[in-house]
Amino acid sequence: MISSQVLQTAIDELRTITRIDLCVMDLEGRTIAATFSDIEIPAQTVRSFADSVADSQVIQGYHFFKILDERALEYILIARGASEDVYMIGKVAVSEIQNLIVAYKERFDKNNFIQNLLLDNLLLVDIYNRAKKLHIDVDARRIVFIIETKYEKDNAAMETVKSLFTIKSRDFITAVDERSIILVKEVKEGEDYPQMEETAKILLDMLNTEAMSSVKIAYGTIVGTLKQVSKSYKEAKMALDVGKIFYSEKNIVAYNMLGIGRLIYQLPIPLCKMFMTEIFGDHMPDTFDDETLTTINKFFENNLNVSETSRQLYVHRNTLVYRLEKLQKNTGLDIRVFDDALTFKIALMVVSYMKYMEEQ
């Protein structure tokens, strides 16, 4: 339903232009919006007019009008005065409010449609039928961004996103939970993932500076039809979760850049535990001291380069070699060798995944 604030703005503007006072009431005679406060109309009078067959009527020096929503009576409009000019202004006001109702219903219907589309709640035939009714192109290329805010119902963040994209009627902004804002963006001809990354960076910068919001942004893959939008949404959701586990330092995560983390995320926990036990036995990576973990991570960051790693850790090369040999003795894996390094890297990611799932 249209908000009282929108109705108040509409009749205030009409009052400024015409100098005719207006009041919108519900069918029980309760005031919803008005340009004057000294309303002396009994609620029973309003109810009697609502029950009558007349579309408009002069009662006690006021013009009464009925506002319909798809032939159903929605509001009563009252214009102060009984002249022909007042009647004309009243009819204009009725027309404007009825058009506002239609516009807001369509907006709500689009939002509801997009939400159900994202959650995969629609049959294929319903997608095409409702899209046609709502004038939504079914064959446009689209991508889904999920913006996760630090706080629930971050209105400042929502308004910032809307200010960037609502002027483009082919983009949609909605939410399906308290912490996330979802942008379904149309991808124009010639645009690809580099442009999507730039869009994510713009969003991040705007939200950090204007809305003062700490956010994480994830996006799925570009899809070619409306029915595939739910696929891009699921991918963005997975990217957000995988990013928290394996790439916590990143504020923007793309589904197509998740790498092996995407595979690990889909493994059952019992299988992960079995893998860890077979590889490490009692020497699990999460039991290593901070020095060992720092050494391992820095070694991986430098692509298994011993000299560069020792330089960045400010230790002698022989000291680093000693640490790596000690690690090999405890685990049976020499991370200077590519195959063992790969196994160890996967194991560290599996540990992170298991910890995350336990916390959840």
Protein backbone atom coordinates (compact mmCIF):
# COMPACT_ATOMS: atom_id res chain seq x y z
CA MET A 1 0.00 0.00 0.00
CA ILE A 2 1.12 3.55 -0.71
CA SER A 3 2.61 5.29 2.34
CA SER A 4 0.99 8.22 4.16
CA GLN A 5 4.16 10.22 3.58
CA VAL A 6 3.80 9.90 -0.20
CA LEU A 7 0.13 10.92 0.02
CA GLN A 8 1.02 13.90 2.20
CA THR A 9 3.66 15.07 -0.27
CA ALA A 10 1.23 14.75 -3.18
CA ILE A 11 -1.55 16.81 -1.59
CA ASP A 12 0.92 19.37 -0.18
CA GLU A 13 2.16 20.04 -3.71
CA LEU A 14 -1.41 20.38 -4.98
CA ARG A 15 -2.23 22.75 -2.11
CA THR A 16 0.79 24.91 -3.00
CA ILE A 17 -0.30 25.16 -6.64
CA THR A 18 -4.09 25.49 -6.21
CA ARG A 19 -4.50 26.87 -2.65
CA ILE A 20 -7.28 24.33 -2.13
CA ASP A 21 -7.07 22.34 1.12
CA LEU A 22 -7.25 18.57 0.74
CA CYS A 23 -7.59 15.62 3.08
CA VAL A 24 -7.23 11.87 2.47
CA MET A 25 -9.10 9.54 4.84
CA ASP A 26 -9.48 5.80 5.10
CA LEU A 27 -12.90 4.16 4.84
CA GLU A 28 -13.42 4.41 8.61
CA GLY A 29 -13.00 8.19 8.62
CA ARG A 30 -9.44 8.27 10.01
CA THR A 31 -7.18 10.98 8.59
CA ILE A 32 -4.17 9.67 6.64
CA ALA A 33 -2.88 12.93 5.17
CA ALA A 34 -4.19 16.51 5.22
CA THR A 35 -3.21 20.08 4.40
CA PHE A 36 -5.41 21.55 7.14
CA SER A 37 -5.88 20.60 10.78
CA ASP A 38 -9.32 21.99 11.64
CA ILE A 39 -11.23 19.09 10.07
CA GLU A 40 -14.77 18.95 11.49
CA ILE A 41 -16.19 15.98 9.64
CA PRO A 42 -17.67 13.12 11.68
CA ALA A 43 -16.32 9.67 10.89
CA GLN A 44 -19.89 8.47 10.36
CA THR A 45 -20.31 10.98 7.51
CA VAL A 46 -17.24 9.53 5.78
CA ARG A 47 -18.47 5.96 6.27
CA SER A 48 -21.91 6.85 4.91
CA PHE A 49 -20.37 8.37 1.78
CA ALA A 50 -18.14 5.31 1.35
CA ASP A 51 -21.23 3.08 1.43
CA SER A 52 -23.16 5.24 -1.04
CA VAL A 53 -23.24 4.74 -4.82
CA ALA A 54 -22.06 8.31 -5.55
CA ASP A 55 -18.51 8.90 -6.85
CA SER A 56 -18.51 12.45 -5.52
CA GLN A 57 -20.79 14.51 -3.29
CA VAL A 58 -20.97 17.90 -1.54
CA ILE A 59 -21.51 17.49 2.20
CA GLN A 60 -21.44 20.31 4.76
CA GLY A 61 -19.44 22.60 2.46
CA TYR A 62 -16.86 19.95 1.49
CA HIS A 63 -16.44 18.01 -1.76
CA PHE A 64 -16.16 14.26 -1.12
CA PHE A 65 -14.51 11.96 -3.71
CA LYS A 66 -13.84 8.25 -3.92
CA ILE A 67 -10.33 6.97 -4.76
CA LEU A 68 -10.37 3.52 -6.34
CA ASP A 69 -7.74 0.83 -6.68
CA GLU A 70 -8.69 -1.53 -9.51
CA ARG A 71 -12.40 -0.72 -8.97
CA ALA A 72 -12.13 -1.31 -5.23
CA LEU A 73 -12.66 1.67 -2.93
CA GLU A 74 -9.34 2.53 -1.24
CA TYR A 75 -9.57 6.10 0.16
CA ILE A 76 -11.88 9.06 0.55
CA LEU A 77 -10.59 12.44 -0.65
CA ILE A 78 -12.12 15.59 0.85
CA ALA A 79 -11.59 19.04 -0.69
CA ARG A 80 -12.57 22.11 1.32
CA GLY A 81 -15.16 24.18 -0.56
CA ALA A 82 -18.20 23.51 -2.72
CA SER A 83 -17.42 25.46 -5.92
CA GLU A 84 -16.79 24.11 -9.42
CA ASP A 85 -13.10 24.95 -9.10
CA VAL A 86 -12.85 22.87 -5.95
CA TYR A 87 -14.61 20.00 -7.75
CA MET A 88 -12.12 20.19 -10.64
CA ILE A 89 -9.10 20.24 -8.30
CA GLY A 90 -10.57 17.32 -6.37
CA LYS A 91 -10.89 15.27 -9.56
CA VAL A 92 -7.27 16.10 -10.47
CA ALA A 93 -6.15 14.99 -7.01
CA VAL A 94 -8.09 11.73 -7.31
CA SER A 95 -6.47 11.05 -10.68
CA GLU A 96 -2.98 11.74 -9.34
CA ILE A 97 -3.42 9.56 -6.25
CA GLN A 98 -4.85 6.70 -8.30
CA ASN A 99 -1.84 6.90 -10.64
CA LEU A 100 0.47 6.87 -7.61
CA ILE A 101 -1.25 3.74 -6.32
CA VAL A 102 -0.73 2.00 -9.66
CA ALA A 103 2.93 3.07 -9.81
CA TYR A 104 3.66 1.90 -6.27
CA LYS A 105 1.86 -1.39 -6.78
CA GLU A 106 3.92 -2.04 -9.90
CA ARG A 107 7.07 -1.18 -8.00
CA PHE A 108 6.10 -3.55 -5.19
CA ASP A 109 5.17 -6.25 -7.69
CA LYS A 110 8.56 -5.92 -9.39
CA ASN A 111 10.35 -6.15 -6.05
CA ASN A 112 8.30 -9.19 -5.06
CA PHE A 113 8.94 -10.78 -8.45
CA ILE A 114 12.72 -10.21 -8.25
CA GLN A 115 12.84 -11.64 -4.71
CA ASN A 116 11.00 -14.80 -5.76
CA LEU A 117 13.16 -15.05 -8.87
CA LEU A 118 16.36 -14.90 -6.79
CA LEU A 119 15.08 -17.54 -4.37
CA ASP A 120 14.03 -19.81 -7.25
CA ASN A 121 10.39 -19.80 -6.11
CA LEU A 122 8.84 -19.42 -9.58
CA LEU A 123 7.92 -21.87 -12.30
CA LEU A 124 9.39 -21.17 -15.72
CA VAL A 125 5.99 -20.25 -17.17
CA ASP A 126 5.37 -17.83 -14.26
CA ILE A 127 8.72 -16.13 -14.87
CA TYR A 128 7.88 -15.34 -18.49
CA ASN A 129 4.25 -14.37 -17.82
CA ARG A 130 5.01 -12.03 -14.93
CA ALA A 131 8.05 -10.54 -16.65
CA LYS A 132 5.88 -9.66 -19.64
CA LYS A 133 3.26 -8.07 -17.41
CA LEU A 134 5.90 -6.04 -15.54
CA HIS A 135 7.71 -5.04 -18.77
CA ILE A 136 10.97 -6.77 -17.80
CA ASP A 137 13.25 -7.93 -20.62
CA VAL A 138 13.76 -11.70 -20.29
CA ASP A 139 16.76 -11.88 -22.63
CA ALA A 140 18.98 -9.12 -21.19
CA ARG A 141 22.38 -10.08 -19.78
CA ARG A 142 22.46 -9.67 -16.00
CA ILE A 143 24.66 -10.28 -12.97
CA VAL A 144 23.88 -10.39 -9.24
CA PHE A 145 25.87 -8.48 -6.61
CA ILE A 146 25.40 -9.16 -2.89
CA ILE A 147 26.43 -6.36 -0.54
CA GLU A 148 26.68 -7.61 3.04
CA THR A 149 26.51 -4.84 5.62
CA LYS A 150 28.01 -4.89 9.09
CA TYR A 151 24.70 -3.97 10.74
CA GLU A 152 21.16 -5.17 10.17
CA LYS A 153 18.83 -2.96 8.11
CA ASP A 154 21.55 -0.48 7.14
CA ASN A 155 19.26 2.13 5.58
CA ALA A 156 22.13 4.48 4.74
CA ALA A 157 23.81 1.75 2.71
CA MET A 158 20.54 0.89 0.94
CA GLU A 159 19.92 4.53 0.01
CA THR A 160 23.47 4.89 -1.31
CA VAL A 161 23.07 1.86 -3.56
CA LYS A 162 19.70 3.15 -4.76
CA SER A 163 21.18 6.55 -5.56
CA LEU A 164 23.73 4.86 -7.82
CA PHE A 165 21.43 2.48 -9.68
CA THR A 166 17.72 3.28 -9.42
CA ILE A 167 17.93 5.85 -12.20
CA LYS A 168 18.54 2.89 -14.45
CA SER A 169 15.13 1.24 -14.56
CA ARG A 170 16.58 -2.01 -15.88
CA ASP A 171 18.60 -2.56 -12.68
CA PHE A 172 16.86 -3.90 -9.56
CA ILE A 173 17.73 -3.40 -5.89
CA THR A 174 16.14 -5.57 -3.23
CA ALA A 175 16.87 -7.61 -0.09
CA VAL A 176 15.98 -11.10 1.09
CA ASP A 177 17.45 -10.86 4.60
CA GLU A 178 18.40 -8.24 7.19
CA ARG A 179 22.13 -7.99 6.45
CA SER A 180 22.32 -8.05 2.64
CA ILE A 181 21.48 -5.70 -0.21
CA ILE A 182 21.06 -7.36 -3.60
CA LEU A 183 21.73 -5.61 -6.88
CA VAL A 184 20.54 -7.31 -10.07
CA LYS A 185 22.45 -5.34 -12.68
CA GLU A 186 21.97 -5.35 -16.42
CA VAL A 187 25.23 -6.01 -18.29
CA LYS A 188 25.43 -3.97 -21.46
CA GLU A 189 26.85 -5.14 -24.76
CA GLY A 190 30.64 -5.04 -24.63
CA GLU A 191 30.80 -5.19 -20.84
CA ASP A 192 32.44 -8.15 -19.11
CA TYR A 193 33.99 -9.11 -15.77
CA PRO A 194 36.58 -6.27 -15.66
CA GLN A 195 33.68 -3.79 -15.78
CA MET A 196 31.85 -5.77 -13.07
CA GLU A 197 34.93 -5.57 -10.86
CA GLU A 198 34.99 -1.80 -11.40
CA THR A 199 31.31 -1.61 -10.43
CA ALA A 200 32.07 -3.51 -7.23
CA LYS A 201 34.94 -1.12 -6.42
CA ILE A 202 32.71 1.91 -7.00
CA LEU A 203 30.08 0.43 -4.69
CA LEU A 204 32.68 -0.30 -2.02
CA ASP A 205 34.17 3.21 -2.19
CA MET A 206 30.77 4.92 -2.12
CA LEU A 207 29.52 2.86 0.82
CA ASN A 208 32.73 3.39 2.78
CA THR A 209 32.82 7.17 2.23
CA GLU A 210 29.18 8.30 1.97
CA ALA A 211 27.27 5.72 4.01
CA MET A 212 30.18 5.07 6.41
CA SER A 213 29.38 1.37 6.10
CA SER A 214 31.82 -1.50 6.34
CA VAL A 215 30.69 -3.96 3.69
CA LYS A 216 31.76 -7.04 1.77
CA ILE A 217 30.71 -7.44 -1.86
CA ALA A 218 30.40 -10.66 -3.84
CA TYR A 219 29.12 -11.26 -7.34
CA GLY A 220 28.21 -14.24 -9.48
CA THR A 221 28.63 -14.90 -13.19
CA ILE A 222 26.97 -13.05 -16.06
CA VAL A 223 23.82 -14.85 -17.23
CA GLY A 224 21.99 -14.46 -20.52
CA THR A 225 18.34 -14.91 -19.55
CA LEU A 226 16.05 -13.89 -16.72
CA LYS A 227 15.48 -17.47 -15.57
CA GLN A 228 19.23 -17.80 -14.83
CA VAL A 229 19.33 -14.85 -12.42
CA SER A 230 18.83 -17.24 -9.47
CA LYS A 231 21.99 -19.07 -10.60
CA SER A 232 24.03 -15.87 -10.45
CA TYR A 233 22.54 -15.13 -7.01
CA LYS A 234 23.51 -18.57 -5.66
CA GLU A 235 27.02 -18.08 -7.05
CA ALA A 236 27.32 -14.67 -5.39
CA LYS A 237 26.10 -16.16 -2.11
CA MET A 238 28.68 -18.93 -2.33
CA ALA A 239 31.38 -16.38 -3.18
CA LEU A 240 30.46 -14.41 -0.05
CA ASP A 241 30.73 -17.51 2.17
CA VAL A 242 33.91 -18.84 0.54
CA GLY A 243 35.45 -15.37 0.75
CA LYS A 244 34.89 -15.28 4.52
CA ILE A 245 36.67 -18.62 4.92
CA PHE A 246 39.63 -18.38 2.57
CA TYR A 247 39.96 -14.72 1.56
CA SER A 248 38.94 -12.83 4.69
CA GLU A 249 41.30 -9.97 3.83
CA LYS A 250 39.37 -9.22 0.62
CA ASN A 251 36.32 -6.95 0.56
CA ILE A 252 35.34 -7.93 -3.00
CA VAL A 253 35.03 -11.56 -4.05
CA ALA A 254 34.05 -12.83 -7.50
CA TYR A 255 32.63 -16.32 -7.98
CA ASN A 256 34.80 -17.02 -11.02
CA MET A 257 37.95 -16.20 -9.01
CA LEU A 258 37.34 -18.54 -6.07
CA GLY A 259 39.70 -21.23 -7.32
CA ILE A 260 40.07 -24.37 -5.24
CA GLY A 261 38.22 -22.79 -2.33
CA ARG A 262 34.98 -23.30 -4.23
CA LEU A 263 35.68 -27.06 -4.40
CA ILE A 264 36.62 -27.39 -0.73
CA TYR A 265 33.50 -25.48 0.32
CA GLN A 266 31.33 -28.22 -1.16
CA LEU A 267 33.09 -31.13 0.58
CA PRO A 268 31.29 -32.94 3.43
CA ILE A 269 32.91 -32.44 6.85
CA PRO A 270 33.44 -36.19 7.53
CA LEU A 271 35.45 -36.45 4.30
CA CYS A 272 37.54 -33.44 5.33
CA LYS A 273 38.30 -34.99 8.73
CA MET A 274 39.31 -38.26 7.11
CA PHE A 275 41.63 -36.43 4.70
CA MET A 276 43.30 -34.50 7.51
CA THR A 277 43.82 -37.60 9.65
CA GLU A 278 45.33 -39.56 6.75
CA ILE A 279 47.76 -36.76 5.85
CA PHE A 280 48.79 -35.40 9.26
CA GLY A 281 47.80 -37.95 11.88
CA ASP A 282 48.24 -36.23 15.25
CA HIS A 283 50.17 -33.23 13.87
CA MET A 284 47.24 -31.16 12.61
CA PRO A 285 48.07 -27.72 11.09
CA ASP A 286 45.89 -25.95 13.67
CA THR A 287 48.25 -27.25 16.41
CA PHE A 288 51.30 -25.49 14.93
CA ASP A 289 52.75 -22.53 16.78
CA ASP A 290 52.50 -19.00 15.38
CA GLU A 291 56.10 -18.97 14.18
CA THR A 292 55.60 -22.12 12.11
CA LEU A 293 52.33 -20.90 10.62
CA THR A 294 53.84 -17.50 9.75
CA THR A 295 56.78 -19.24 8.08
CA ILE A 296 54.50 -21.53 6.04
CA ASN A 297 52.19 -18.73 4.91
CA LYS A 298 55.07 -16.43 3.95
CA PHE A 299 56.74 -19.28 2.05
CA PHE A 300 53.56 -19.83 0.03
CA GLU A 301 53.14 -16.09 -0.57
CA ASN A 302 56.62 -16.04 -2.14
CA ASN A 303 55.93 -19.02 -4.43
CA LEU A 304 58.23 -21.40 -2.48
CA ASN A 305 61.20 -19.04 -2.83
CA VAL A 306 63.53 -19.70 0.12
CA SER A 307 65.74 -16.61 -0.34
CA GLU A 308 62.87 -14.13 -0.64
CA THR A 309 61.00 -15.69 2.28
CA SER A 310 64.04 -15.54 4.59
CA ARG A 311 64.56 -11.89 3.59
CA GLN A 312 60.95 -10.93 4.39
CA LEU A 313 61.01 -12.84 7.68
CA TYR A 314 64.35 -11.22 8.63
CA VAL A 315 65.95 -14.61 9.32
CA HIS A 316 69.03 -16.31 7.91
CA ARG A 317 68.44 -18.67 5.00
CA ASN A 318 69.77 -21.60 7.07
CA THR A 319 67.29 -20.75 9.85
CA LEU A 320 64.42 -20.95 7.38
CA VAL A 321 65.73 -24.25 5.97
CA TYR A 322 65.93 -25.62 9.51
CA ARG A 323 62.28 -24.66 10.16
CA LEU A 324 61.15 -26.31 6.92
CA GLU A 325 63.10 -29.48 7.70
CA LYS A 326 61.57 -29.59 11.18
CA LEU A 327 58.13 -29.27 9.60
CA GLN A 328 58.97 -32.12 7.23
CA LYS A 329 60.04 -34.30 10.14
CA ASN A 330 56.74 -33.70 11.97
CA THR A 331 54.38 -34.04 9.01
CA GLY A 332 56.23 -36.02 6.38
CA LEU A 333 55.70 -33.18 3.88
CA ASP A 334 58.52 -31.14 2.38
CA ILE A 335 56.82 -27.94 1.26
CA ARG A 336 59.87 -27.03 -0.85
CA VAL A 337 58.58 -29.71 -3.23
CA PHE A 338 55.57 -28.63 -5.32
CA ASP A 339 53.40 -31.72 -4.73
CA ASP A 340 53.89 -31.60 -0.96
CA ALA A 341 53.34 -27.83 -0.96
CA LEU A 342 50.06 -28.30 -2.84
CA THR A 343 48.90 -30.93 -0.34
CA PHE A 344 49.84 -28.68 2.56
CA LYS A 345 48.10 -25.63 1.06
CA ILE A 346 44.90 -27.61 0.51
CA ALA A 347 45.12 -28.94 4.06
CA LEU A 348 45.37 -25.42 5.49
CA MET A 349 42.30 -24.41 3.49
CA VAL A 350 40.42 -27.49 4.69
CA VAL A 351 41.25 -26.58 8.31
CA SER A 352 39.89 -23.06 7.75
CA TYR A 353 36.73 -24.53 6.20
CA MET A 354 36.19 -26.96 9.09
CA LYS A 355 36.64 -24.19 11.67
CA TYR A 356 34.16 -21.97 9.85
CA MET A 357 31.56 -24.72 9.66
CA GLU A 358 31.96 -25.51 13.35
CA GLU A 359 31.41 -21.84 14.23
CA GLN A 360 28.28 -21.77 12.11
